[in-house]
Structures are given as C-alpha cells and as structure tokens.
Amino acid sequence: MTERFVRKQADWQLTEDVDDFLARAGDFLRSRPALHNTPLTDIEKLRTGGPDAHGGEAAVFGRLESAGEVRAVLYRTPRGRLSLTPLSAEQAGTLAAHLAGLGPSPCDVIADHDTATAFAEAWQRHTGAASVPFWRTHLYRLGTLTPPQPRAEGRGRVTGEKDHEQVVRWCREFCVDVRENVSMDAIDAGSWADTRFADKHFTFWETPEGVPVSMAGSTSMVGGMVRVDPVYTPAHLRGRGYAGAVTVEVSRAALAAGATDVVLYADPANPTSNALYQRIGYVHIADFAGYKFSYGASEAKR
C-alpha cells in the first residue's frame, strides 16, 4: 500500500486497503442498501478481484467521519471512476479541493444527481477540467410486487451455459439501445469476463414453445440488496408484456432469496419503461448522474 493515499484529509480517511475500509464503513453502506446499491456491488467486485479491480492504478477507498460516525464514502476504481455517496454542496467542494492535490485524477464521477453535479462543478474550479454529463437515471426500489394483468404467455427460465451466446448478444444490443458508452467490440464471448455483465445472473422469458423473447439480469445479493440489470426485449417483440413478466420473475426470485431491497435504474428518457416499473411495484427514490472529465495538456492526469 502506498503512503500517498493513506492520509487524513480533513475528516476524510483514504486507504487502498479494502478490507480495512469495509470493516469501518461497511455498516454505513448497508444502512441504506437501496441508495448505496452501486457502491455495494462495485466494492464487492473490487474486493473479490472482479473486472473493475483491474487497471492502471490501485483502487482507493475513503470515508468521511464526523463525531466518530461514518457520514459518506468514496471509492475510485483502477479504471479511474470516482463514485460518491450523497454529500452537501459544501462537502463536495471541500472534497474536490483535497483530491485535486493528490492524484491521479478521476476520469469521471457518478453519484446522486446533486452530489455529482456539485463535485463536477467544484472539480472544474480546482483543476480546470471540463465536465460533460454522460449518464442520467432514475433509481427505483421495489415496494409491493404487483404482477401485470393479463400475464404474458410463457414462463421464466434461469439461463444456462447453452444460452451464453444469446445472453452476450442481447447485452450488446441492450447497450446500443440505451446508448451506453461502451465499444461493441468489448462485449463478445472472448471479452465477456471483463464486462460489467459477466457477474450477473440472467433469466429468459420464454413463449409456451420455449423461444426466449426477453431477458433480465440481476446482481448477487450484497447487504440484503439485489439490483435488476439489464432488462432487454428485442424491438420486434416489444409491447407484448414480456419485459414486465421477466422483471417480475427476477424480482420475485430476489425476494424469495431473502433480499430486503430490490432496485433498478431506468432511463428518464424512456417513459415506457418507467411506467412499467411503477405498475409492477417499483417506487422512484432518487436521481443519479455521471460526468466525464476532459483534461487539457496543463491538467494532464497526475
């Protein structure tokens, strides 16, 4: 562990030791598993050596303490993504000032909308780096699961090895549909292990004849939380209730496995999916955003 990241910056404690970080901040993350769903899953990948654990720099973890209690956390992945739990505008500005002097600089930031925006603005003030929004989403948490009526014909089926090629293809098509910022060459059978989908569990919705017509993925349970992601139906099969049916299927499976919080993200620009999730029992609880940083020659990454 290098000394440059094991320092106290005001009330922020920064470290590269994920186990020590979780011992001190794990209870805070698990106290609001829906709101903290991305940190919970990302940090678990970093702890276990998943795809996000690899890159040019060591992962960094931080906790903001006040009166002996953890109030917020941050982590920066080896690939340069900075993620923050909710901060006030003042806290985001103070953090940006401290991180600007440490390096290496993040390539982007994701957080709840207000925190991400406040940090991006403060980061530009302190470093000169321009910020461009690249992600905006609604976060939903499952309330009372309400299967749609009438129910789509068919059944759900957990995918197996024989379904891998189709899962890969549909994940690639999903990324095109939602304009996810990823090279299509990065999602194929050969590079699958390095994608964000590799550790998901997938379920197909099949017609009575056994033909897959929709797909939903879900994360492993962390801190009592399961995130449904992605949900995809090919364009020519939409409007028949398949997406709702498969989302209900994986949501019910998560509850049966003991999840206390089942969550999903939805694109605000897609009113159809947002309305669907609300009809089957998901409740909007927060908005999230991401900003990508652009560094000029004088602000090159340190």
Protein backbone atom coordinates (compact mmCIF):
# COMPACT_ATOMS: atom_id res chain seq x y z
CA MET A 1 0.00 0.00 0.00
CA THR A 2 1.43 3.35 -0.97
CA GLU A 3 1.58 6.12 1.59
CA ARG A 4 0.20 8.81 -0.71
CA PHE A 5 -3.37 7.53 -0.26
CA VAL A 6 -3.22 6.58 3.43
CA ARG A 7 -3.59 10.10 4.76
CA LYS A 8 -6.13 12.10 6.65
CA GLN A 9 -7.62 14.93 4.63
CA ALA A 10 -9.83 16.95 6.98
CA ASP A 11 -12.32 14.28 8.10
CA TRP A 12 -11.76 12.03 5.08
CA GLN A 13 -9.80 8.83 5.70
CA LEU A 14 -8.33 7.43 2.47
CA THR A 15 -6.86 3.97 2.03
CA GLU A 16 -6.09 1.28 -0.54
CA ASP A 17 -6.98 -1.48 1.96
CA VAL A 18 -10.50 -2.61 1.00
CA ASP A 19 -10.87 -4.97 3.95
CA ASP A 20 -9.99 -2.27 6.47
CA PHE A 21 -12.33 0.12 4.68
CA LEU A 22 -15.25 -2.31 4.82
CA ALA A 23 -14.59 -3.08 8.48
CA ARG A 24 -15.01 0.62 9.24
CA ALA A 25 -17.57 1.71 6.62
CA GLY A 26 -19.48 -1.47 5.81
CA ASP A 27 -22.27 -0.79 8.31
CA PHE A 28 -22.80 2.66 6.79
CA LEU A 29 -23.13 1.21 3.29
CA ARG A 30 -25.53 -1.49 4.46
CA SER A 31 -27.64 1.03 6.40
CA ARG A 32 -29.19 2.29 3.13
CA PRO A 33 -28.74 -0.59 0.68
CA ALA A 34 -31.06 0.81 -1.98
CA LEU A 35 -29.40 4.22 -2.16
CA HIS A 36 -25.94 2.64 -1.84
CA ASN A 37 -26.58 -0.20 -4.29
CA THR A 38 -23.81 0.73 -6.74
CA PRO A 39 -21.10 1.15 -4.08
CA LEU A 40 -22.14 -2.16 -2.52
CA THR A 41 -21.78 -4.09 -5.76
CA ASP A 42 -18.74 -2.21 -7.09
CA ILE A 43 -16.75 -2.52 -3.87
CA GLU A 44 -17.58 -6.22 -3.68
CA LYS A 45 -16.13 -6.63 -7.19
CA LEU A 46 -13.01 -4.75 -6.13
CA ARG A 47 -12.71 -6.91 -3.02
CA THR A 48 -13.03 -10.19 -4.90
CA GLY A 49 -10.91 -9.21 -7.91
CA GLY A 50 -13.73 -8.78 -10.44
CA PRO A 51 -13.40 -6.84 -13.72
CA ASP A 52 -13.39 -3.44 -12.01
CA ALA A 53 -10.38 -4.47 -9.92
CA HIS A 54 -8.01 -4.27 -12.87
CA GLY A 55 -6.46 -1.13 -14.33
CA GLY A 56 -3.52 1.19 -14.16
CA GLU A 57 -3.85 2.39 -10.56
CA ALA A 58 -4.76 0.84 -7.25
CA ALA A 59 -8.34 1.31 -6.09
CA VAL A 60 -8.79 3.95 -3.41
CA PHE A 61 -11.47 3.99 -0.72
CA GLY A 62 -12.46 6.83 1.57
CA ARG A 63 -14.83 7.53 4.42
CA LEU A 64 -15.97 10.87 5.79
CA GLU A 65 -16.23 10.77 9.57
CA SER A 66 -17.90 13.16 11.98
CA ALA A 67 -18.33 12.63 15.74
CA GLY A 68 -16.94 9.14 15.33
CA GLU A 69 -19.51 8.08 12.73
CA VAL A 70 -19.17 7.48 9.00
CA ARG A 71 -21.24 10.04 7.09
CA ALA A 72 -20.23 9.33 3.48
CA VAL A 73 -17.86 7.21 1.42
CA LEU A 74 -16.00 7.40 -1.86
CA TYR A 75 -14.06 4.97 -3.99
CA ARG A 76 -12.02 5.36 -7.15
CA THR A 77 -11.63 2.26 -9.32
CA PRO A 78 -8.38 1.30 -11.06
CA ARG A 79 -10.04 2.47 -14.29
CA GLY A 80 -10.45 5.95 -12.85
CA ARG A 81 -14.14 6.13 -12.00
CA LEU A 82 -14.92 8.09 -8.83
CA SER A 83 -18.13 7.21 -7.01
CA LEU A 84 -19.59 9.15 -4.09
CA THR A 85 -22.43 8.67 -1.64
CA PRO A 86 -24.58 11.78 -1.00
CA LEU A 87 -22.71 14.94 0.03
CA SER A 88 -23.77 18.53 0.56
CA ALA A 89 -22.50 21.05 -1.97
CA GLU A 90 -20.03 22.31 0.62
CA GLN A 91 -18.74 18.81 1.37
CA ALA A 92 -18.39 18.08 -2.37
CA GLY A 93 -16.41 21.28 -2.83
CA THR A 94 -14.11 20.52 0.08
CA LEU A 95 -13.51 17.00 -1.20
CA ALA A 96 -12.69 18.27 -4.71
CA ALA A 97 -10.13 20.68 -3.25
CA HIS A 98 -8.43 17.88 -1.31
CA LEU A 99 -8.43 15.33 -4.13
CA ALA A 100 -7.08 17.88 -6.61
CA GLY A 101 -3.79 17.85 -4.73
CA LEU A 102 -3.43 14.08 -4.52
CA GLY A 103 -3.77 12.49 -7.97
CA PRO A 104 -4.21 10.54 -10.06
CA SER A 105 -7.24 12.45 -11.28
CA PRO A 106 -10.51 10.61 -11.91
CA CYS A 107 -11.78 10.16 -15.45
CA ASP A 108 -15.38 10.62 -14.33
CA VAL A 109 -17.69 10.77 -11.33
CA ILE A 110 -21.03 9.15 -10.57
CA ALA A 111 -23.31 9.89 -7.62
CA ASP A 112 -26.80 11.06 -6.84
CA HIS A 113 -27.62 13.96 -9.15
CA ASP A 114 -26.97 16.83 -6.72
CA THR A 115 -23.70 15.38 -5.41
CA ALA A 116 -22.33 14.54 -8.86
CA THR A 117 -23.21 18.00 -10.17
CA ALA A 118 -21.70 19.80 -7.18
CA PHE A 119 -18.50 17.76 -7.37
CA ALA A 120 -18.14 18.22 -11.15
CA GLU A 121 -18.50 21.99 -10.80
CA ALA A 122 -16.01 22.10 -7.91
CA TRP A 123 -13.57 19.83 -9.75
CA GLN A 124 -13.59 22.17 -12.73
CA ARG A 125 -12.88 25.13 -10.45
CA HIS A 126 -9.94 23.41 -8.81
CA THR A 127 -8.41 21.62 -11.80
CA GLY A 128 -9.70 23.34 -14.93
CA ALA A 129 -11.03 20.02 -16.19
CA ALA A 130 -14.18 20.38 -18.28
CA SER A 131 -17.05 18.10 -17.31
CA VAL A 132 -19.58 16.57 -19.69
CA PRO A 133 -22.70 14.69 -18.48
CA PHE A 134 -22.80 11.13 -19.78
CA TRP A 135 -25.32 9.37 -17.52
CA ARG A 136 -28.65 10.31 -16.01
CA THR A 137 -31.03 7.82 -14.44
CA HIS A 138 -33.90 7.26 -12.03
CA LEU A 139 -33.38 4.84 -9.14
CA TYR A 140 -36.36 2.67 -8.19
CA ARG A 141 -36.86 0.44 -5.15
CA LEU A 142 -39.39 -2.37 -5.09
CA GLY A 143 -42.40 -1.78 -2.84
CA THR A 144 -45.22 -4.32 -3.25
CA LEU A 145 -44.60 -6.59 -6.22
CA THR A 146 -47.66 -6.44 -8.47
CA PRO A 147 -47.57 -8.79 -11.48
CA PRO A 148 -49.11 -7.21 -14.59
CA GLN A 149 -52.51 -8.32 -15.77
CA PRO A 150 -53.10 -10.00 -18.07
CA ARG A 151 -49.97 -12.08 -17.60
CA ALA A 152 -47.83 -12.60 -20.68
CA GLU A 153 -47.95 -16.11 -22.04
CA GLY A 154 -44.94 -18.25 -21.28
CA ARG A 155 -42.62 -18.75 -18.34
CA GLY A 156 -39.34 -17.62 -16.86
CA ARG A 157 -36.21 -19.74 -17.07
CA VAL A 158 -32.81 -19.21 -15.49
CA THR A 159 -30.19 -19.28 -18.24
CA GLY A 160 -27.50 -21.92 -18.54
CA GLU A 161 -24.27 -22.47 -20.43
CA LYS A 162 -26.11 -23.19 -23.68
CA ASP A 163 -27.68 -19.72 -23.53
CA HIS A 164 -24.40 -17.83 -23.19
CA GLU A 165 -24.11 -16.71 -26.81
CA GLN A 166 -27.62 -15.26 -26.79
CA VAL A 167 -27.06 -13.53 -23.43
CA VAL A 168 -23.90 -11.90 -24.82
CA ARG A 169 -25.70 -10.81 -27.99
CA TRP A 170 -28.64 -9.34 -26.10
CA CYS A 171 -26.36 -7.47 -23.69
CA ARG A 172 -24.60 -5.95 -26.70
CA GLU A 173 -27.96 -4.95 -28.22
CA PHE A 174 -29.06 -3.52 -24.87
CA CYS A 175 -26.00 -1.25 -24.79
CA VAL A 176 -26.82 0.02 -28.27
CA ASP A 177 -30.43 0.65 -27.25
CA VAL A 178 -29.59 2.68 -24.14
CA ARG A 179 -26.58 4.39 -25.77
CA GLU A 180 -24.26 3.01 -23.14
CA ASN A 181 -20.75 4.35 -23.62
CA VAL A 182 -19.01 1.09 -24.48
CA SER A 183 -17.35 -0.26 -27.58
CA MET A 184 -19.41 -3.04 -29.11
CA ASP A 185 -16.19 -4.96 -29.67
CA ALA A 186 -15.82 -5.05 -25.87
CA ILE A 187 -18.90 -7.28 -25.48
CA ASP A 188 -18.32 -10.62 -27.12
CA ALA A 189 -17.69 -14.18 -25.99
CA GLY A 190 -13.94 -13.64 -25.81
CA SER A 191 -14.01 -10.47 -23.71
CA TRP A 192 -17.14 -11.27 -21.70
CA ALA A 193 -15.24 -11.76 -18.43
CA ASP A 194 -14.13 -8.11 -18.49
CA THR A 195 -17.60 -6.63 -18.98
CA ARG A 196 -19.93 -5.32 -16.30
CA PHE A 197 -22.41 -8.07 -17.20
CA ALA A 198 -20.14 -11.04 -16.53
CA ASP A 199 -21.05 -11.48 -12.87
CA LYS A 200 -24.82 -11.10 -13.39
CA HIS A 201 -27.41 -13.86 -13.18
CA PHE A 202 -29.75 -13.95 -16.19
CA THR A 203 -33.32 -15.12 -16.70
CA PHE A 204 -35.15 -15.51 -20.00
CA TRP A 205 -38.87 -15.15 -20.53
CA GLU A 206 -39.90 -17.85 -22.99
CA THR A 207 -43.01 -18.41 -25.07
CA PRO A 208 -45.00 -21.60 -24.45
CA GLU A 209 -42.96 -23.08 -27.30
CA GLY A 210 -39.71 -22.40 -25.41
CA VAL A 211 -38.50 -19.46 -27.52
CA PRO A 212 -36.68 -16.73 -25.49
CA VAL A 213 -38.34 -13.35 -26.04
CA SER A 214 -36.99 -11.17 -23.19
CA MET A 215 -34.19 -11.15 -20.65
CA ALA A 216 -33.43 -9.71 -17.24
CA GLY A 217 -30.21 -9.82 -15.28
CA SER A 218 -29.60 -9.38 -11.57
CA THR A 219 -26.65 -8.94 -9.25
CA SER A 220 -25.69 -11.27 -6.46
CA MET A 221 -27.11 -10.17 -3.13
CA VAL A 222 -24.90 -7.75 -1.19
CA GLY A 223 -26.02 -6.21 2.08
CA GLY A 224 -29.52 -7.59 1.51
CA MET A 225 -29.74 -5.78 -1.85
CA VAL A 226 -30.24 -7.15 -5.37
CA ARG A 227 -30.18 -4.88 -8.43
CA VAL A 228 -32.12 -5.86 -11.55
CA ASP A 229 -29.95 -5.03 -14.57
CA PRO A 230 -30.23 -5.18 -17.53
CA VAL A 231 -33.80 -5.69 -18.80
CA TYR A 232 -33.98 -6.20 -22.56
CA THR A 233 -36.56 -7.21 -25.15
CA PRO A 234 -35.70 -7.14 -28.88
CA ALA A 235 -37.52 -4.30 -30.63
CA HIS A 236 -39.75 -6.54 -32.75
CA LEU A 237 -41.06 -8.34 -29.64
CA ARG A 238 -41.93 -5.30 -27.53
CA GLY A 239 -45.42 -4.29 -26.45
CA ARG A 240 -46.47 -7.83 -25.52
CA GLY A 241 -45.78 -7.76 -21.78
CA TYR A 242 -42.57 -9.77 -21.89
CA ALA A 243 -40.37 -7.17 -20.16
CA GLY A 244 -42.83 -6.84 -17.30
CA ALA A 245 -43.11 -10.60 -16.95
CA VAL A 246 -39.37 -11.22 -16.80
CA THR A 247 -38.80 -8.29 -14.42
CA VAL A 248 -41.44 -9.70 -12.08
CA GLU A 249 -39.79 -13.11 -12.36
CA VAL A 250 -36.32 -11.93 -11.27
CA SER A 251 -37.77 -9.57 -8.64
CA ARG A 252 -39.77 -12.42 -7.09
CA ALA A 253 -36.68 -14.64 -7.13
CA ALA A 254 -34.69 -11.94 -5.30
CA LEU A 255 -37.36 -11.65 -2.61
CA ALA A 256 -37.51 -15.43 -2.27
CA ALA A 257 -33.74 -15.48 -1.77
CA GLY A 258 -34.12 -13.07 1.17
CA ALA A 259 -33.42 -9.68 -0.39
CA THR A 260 -34.70 -6.76 1.68
CA ASP A 261 -34.10 -4.23 -1.11
CA VAL A 262 -34.64 -4.91 -4.82
CA VAL A 263 -33.70 -1.96 -7.01
CA LEU A 264 -33.25 -0.98 -10.62
CA TYR A 265 -32.23 2.03 -12.69
CA ALA A 266 -34.33 3.43 -15.53
CA ASP A 267 -33.56 5.95 -18.26
CA PRO A 268 -35.62 9.11 -17.65
CA ALA A 269 -35.93 9.49 -21.42
CA ASN A 270 -37.84 6.21 -21.68
CA PRO A 271 -41.37 6.81 -20.33
CA THR A 272 -42.48 3.30 -21.30
CA SER A 273 -40.00 1.51 -19.03
CA ASN A 274 -40.53 3.96 -16.19
CA ALA A 275 -44.30 3.46 -16.32
CA LEU A 276 -43.86 -0.31 -16.48
CA TYR A 277 -41.66 -0.48 -13.40
CA GLN A 278 -44.08 1.66 -11.43
CA ARG A 279 -47.03 -0.53 -12.46
CA ILE A 280 -45.34 -3.65 -11.09
CA GLY A 281 -44.49 -2.05 -7.76
CA TYR A 282 -41.24 -0.10 -8.09
CA VAL A 283 -41.09 3.32 -6.40
CA HIS A 284 -38.86 6.18 -7.58
CA ILE A 285 -36.50 7.14 -4.73
CA ALA A 286 -33.63 9.17 -6.26
CA ASP A 287 -31.95 10.50 -9.39
CA PHE A 288 -28.34 9.77 -10.30
CA ALA A 289 -25.91 11.35 -12.75
CA GLY A 290 -22.44 10.89 -14.17
CA TYR A 291 -19.93 13.41 -15.51
CA LYS A 292 -16.88 12.66 -17.63
CA PHE A 293 -13.81 14.88 -17.18
CA SER A 294 -11.73 16.24 -20.03
CA TYR A 295 -8.18 17.29 -19.16
CA GLY A 296 -6.13 19.69 -21.26
CA ALA A 297 -2.37 19.43 -21.55
CA SER A 298 -1.84 21.54 -18.45
CA GLU A 299 -4.25 19.40 -16.45
CA ALA A 300 -2.99 16.06 -17.66
CA LYS A 301 -3.62 13.22 -15.24
CA ARG A 302 -1.11 13.15 -12.47
